[in-house]
Amino acid sequence: MAHPKRRQSKTRTAKRRTHYKAETASVSICQTTGQPHLRHQAHWYDGKLYYKGKVVMEKEMSA
């Protein structure tokens, strides 16, 4: 198995990693509820779980 002959410096490593940046999350507005939510994520609103504008699940109310 190949091994590096010399250790890579911190500067050289950092130069290689400069292209990896944190990106802001995309937020969409639900057409059904009008609430902002992360894209491709289900979201809760009024005790119901919505995904792609449809109710997927309802929260059980325990008394």
N, C-alpha and C. Protein backbone atom coordinates (compact mmCIF):
# COMPACT_ATOMS: atom_id res chain seq x y z
N MET A 1 0.84 -1.18 0.00
CA MET A 1 0.00 0.00 0.00
C MET A 1 0.89 1.25 0.00
N ALA A 2 0.51 2.22 -0.79
CA ALA A 2 1.33 3.42 -0.92
C ALA A 2 1.21 4.32 0.31
N HIS A 3 2.33 4.94 0.68
CA HIS A 3 2.36 5.87 1.80
C HIS A 3 2.98 7.17 1.30
N PRO A 4 2.50 8.30 1.84
CA PRO A 4 3.11 9.56 1.43
C PRO A 4 4.56 9.66 1.94
N LYS A 5 5.43 10.20 1.10
CA LYS A 5 6.83 10.29 1.48
C LYS A 5 7.04 11.39 2.52
N ARG A 6 6.29 12.49 2.36
CA ARG A 6 6.40 13.60 3.30
C ARG A 6 5.01 14.02 3.77
N ARG A 7 4.95 14.60 4.93
CA ARG A 7 3.68 15.08 5.48
C ARG A 7 3.24 16.33 4.74
N GLN A 8 1.95 16.41 4.43
CA GLN A 8 1.44 17.61 3.76
C GLN A 8 1.29 18.73 4.78
N SER A 9 1.68 19.93 4.41
CA SER A 9 1.60 21.05 5.34
C SER A 9 0.16 21.47 5.58
N LYS A 10 -0.07 22.20 6.67
CA LYS A 10 -1.41 22.69 6.99
C LYS A 10 -1.92 23.65 5.92
N THR A 11 -1.01 24.46 5.38
CA THR A 11 -1.39 25.41 4.35
C THR A 11 -1.85 24.70 3.09
N ARG A 12 -1.13 23.68 2.70
CA ARG A 12 -1.49 22.94 1.50
C ARG A 12 -2.83 22.22 1.67
N THR A 13 -3.05 21.66 2.85
CA THR A 13 -4.31 20.99 3.15
C THR A 13 -5.46 21.99 3.11
N ALA A 14 -5.24 23.16 3.69
CA ALA A 14 -6.28 24.20 3.73
C ALA A 14 -6.60 24.69 2.32
N LYS A 15 -5.59 24.80 1.46
CA LYS A 15 -5.83 25.23 0.08
C LYS A 15 -6.72 24.24 -0.66
N ARG A 16 -6.52 22.96 -0.39
CA ARG A 16 -7.33 21.94 -1.04
C ARG A 16 -8.78 22.01 -0.54
N ARG A 17 -8.96 22.36 0.73
CA ARG A 17 -10.29 22.35 1.33
C ARG A 17 -11.06 23.66 1.17
N THR A 18 -10.50 24.64 0.51
CA THR A 18 -11.18 25.94 0.39
C THR A 18 -12.47 25.86 -0.40
N HIS A 19 -12.64 24.85 -1.21
CA HIS A 19 -13.82 24.75 -2.06
C HIS A 19 -15.01 24.17 -1.32
N TYR A 20 -14.78 23.58 -0.16
CA TYR A 20 -15.88 23.02 0.63
C TYR A 20 -16.45 24.12 1.50
N LYS A 21 -17.60 24.65 1.12
CA LYS A 21 -18.20 25.74 1.87
C LYS A 21 -19.57 25.32 2.38
N ALA A 22 -19.95 25.88 3.50
CA ALA A 22 -21.30 25.65 4.02
C ALA A 22 -22.28 26.47 3.19
N GLU A 23 -23.37 25.84 2.80
CA GLU A 23 -24.37 26.54 2.00
C GLU A 23 -25.61 26.80 2.84
N THR A 24 -26.31 27.87 2.53
CA THR A 24 -27.55 28.15 3.25
C THR A 24 -28.63 27.18 2.80
N ALA A 25 -29.48 26.81 3.72
CA ALA A 25 -30.55 25.87 3.43
C ALA A 25 -31.62 26.54 2.56
N SER A 26 -32.15 25.80 1.58
CA SER A 26 -33.21 26.34 0.72
C SER A 26 -34.54 26.24 1.47
N VAL A 27 -35.25 27.34 1.50
CA VAL A 27 -36.54 27.37 2.18
C VAL A 27 -37.63 27.60 1.15
N SER A 28 -38.72 26.84 1.26
CA SER A 28 -39.85 26.98 0.36
C SER A 28 -41.09 27.35 1.16
N ILE A 29 -42.08 27.86 0.47
CA ILE A 29 -43.37 28.16 1.07
C ILE A 29 -44.35 27.07 0.63
N CYS A 30 -45.02 26.45 1.60
CA CYS A 30 -45.99 25.40 1.30
C CYS A 30 -47.22 26.05 0.65
N GLN A 31 -47.64 25.51 -0.48
CA GLN A 31 -48.80 26.07 -1.19
C GLN A 31 -50.09 25.80 -0.44
N THR A 32 -50.14 24.75 0.35
CA THR A 32 -51.36 24.41 1.08
C THR A 32 -51.52 25.25 2.34
N THR A 33 -50.43 25.32 3.15
CA THR A 33 -50.52 26.01 4.44
C THR A 33 -49.94 27.42 4.42
N GLY A 34 -49.07 27.71 3.47
CA GLY A 34 -48.44 29.02 3.40
C GLY A 34 -47.28 29.18 4.39
N GLN A 35 -46.83 28.08 4.98
CA GLN A 35 -45.76 28.12 5.96
C GLN A 35 -44.41 27.85 5.30
N PRO A 36 -43.34 28.55 5.74
CA PRO A 36 -42.01 28.25 5.21
C PRO A 36 -41.49 26.94 5.80
N HIS A 37 -40.78 26.17 4.99
CA HIS A 37 -40.20 24.90 5.43
C HIS A 37 -39.01 24.56 4.56
N LEU A 38 -38.16 23.65 5.06
CA LEU A 38 -37.01 23.20 4.28
C LEU A 38 -37.49 22.36 3.11
N ARG A 39 -36.82 22.53 1.97
CA ARG A 39 -37.22 21.78 0.78
C ARG A 39 -37.00 20.29 0.99
N HIS A 40 -37.90 19.49 0.43
CA HIS A 40 -37.85 18.03 0.50
C HIS A 40 -37.91 17.52 1.94
N GLN A 41 -38.56 18.27 2.82
CA GLN A 41 -38.72 17.87 4.20
C GLN A 41 -40.18 18.00 4.59
N ALA A 42 -40.69 17.05 5.33
CA ALA A 42 -42.05 17.15 5.86
C ALA A 42 -42.04 18.18 6.99
N HIS A 43 -43.18 18.87 7.20
CA HIS A 43 -43.25 19.87 8.27
C HIS A 43 -44.60 19.80 8.98
N TRP A 44 -44.58 20.12 10.28
CA TRP A 44 -45.79 20.09 11.09
C TRP A 44 -46.49 21.44 11.04
N TYR A 45 -47.82 21.41 10.96
CA TYR A 45 -48.62 22.63 11.01
C TYR A 45 -50.01 22.24 11.53
N ASP A 46 -50.42 22.85 12.63
CA ASP A 46 -51.72 22.59 13.26
C ASP A 46 -51.95 21.11 13.55
N GLY A 47 -50.91 20.44 14.05
CA GLY A 47 -51.05 19.04 14.43
C GLY A 47 -51.07 18.06 13.27
N LYS A 48 -50.74 18.53 12.08
CA LYS A 48 -50.70 17.65 10.91
C LYS A 48 -49.33 17.73 10.26
N LEU A 49 -48.90 16.60 9.73
CA LEU A 49 -47.61 16.53 9.05
C LEU A 49 -47.85 16.63 7.55
N TYR A 50 -47.27 17.65 6.92
CA TYR A 50 -47.46 17.89 5.49
C TYR A 50 -46.21 17.52 4.73
N TYR A 51 -46.38 16.92 3.56
CA TYR A 51 -45.28 16.66 2.63
C TYR A 51 -45.83 16.79 1.22
N LYS A 52 -45.18 17.63 0.42
CA LYS A 52 -45.62 17.92 -0.95
C LYS A 52 -47.06 18.41 -0.98
N GLY A 53 -47.44 19.21 0.02
CA GLY A 53 -48.76 19.82 0.05
C GLY A 53 -49.88 18.90 0.49
N LYS A 54 -49.56 17.69 0.91
CA LYS A 54 -50.59 16.73 1.32
C LYS A 54 -50.37 16.34 2.78
N VAL A 55 -51.46 16.02 3.46
CA VAL A 55 -51.38 15.55 4.84
C VAL A 55 -50.88 14.12 4.84
N VAL A 56 -49.78 13.88 5.54
CA VAL A 56 -49.20 12.56 5.60
C VAL A 56 -49.60 11.85 6.89
N MET A 57 -49.67 12.62 7.99
CA MET A 57 -49.97 12.03 9.28
C MET A 57 -50.58 13.09 10.17
N GLU A 58 -51.45 12.66 11.08
CA GLU A 58 -52.04 13.57 12.05
C GLU A 58 -51.57 13.18 13.43
N LYS A 59 -51.33 14.18 14.27
CA LYS A 59 -50.87 13.92 15.62
C LYS A 59 -52.04 13.46 16.47
N GLU A 60 -51.83 12.40 17.25
CA GLU A 60 -52.89 11.88 18.11
C GLU A 60 -53.01 12.77 19.33
N MET A 61 -54.24 13.13 19.67
CA MET A 61 -54.48 13.96 20.85
C MET A 61 -54.80 13.03 22.02
N SER A 62 -53.91 12.97 23.00
CA SER A 62 -54.15 12.10 24.16
C SER A 62 -54.80 12.93 25.26
N ALA A 63 -55.90 12.40 25.81
CA ALA A 63 -56.62 13.14 26.84
C ALA A 63 -56.43 12.54 28.20
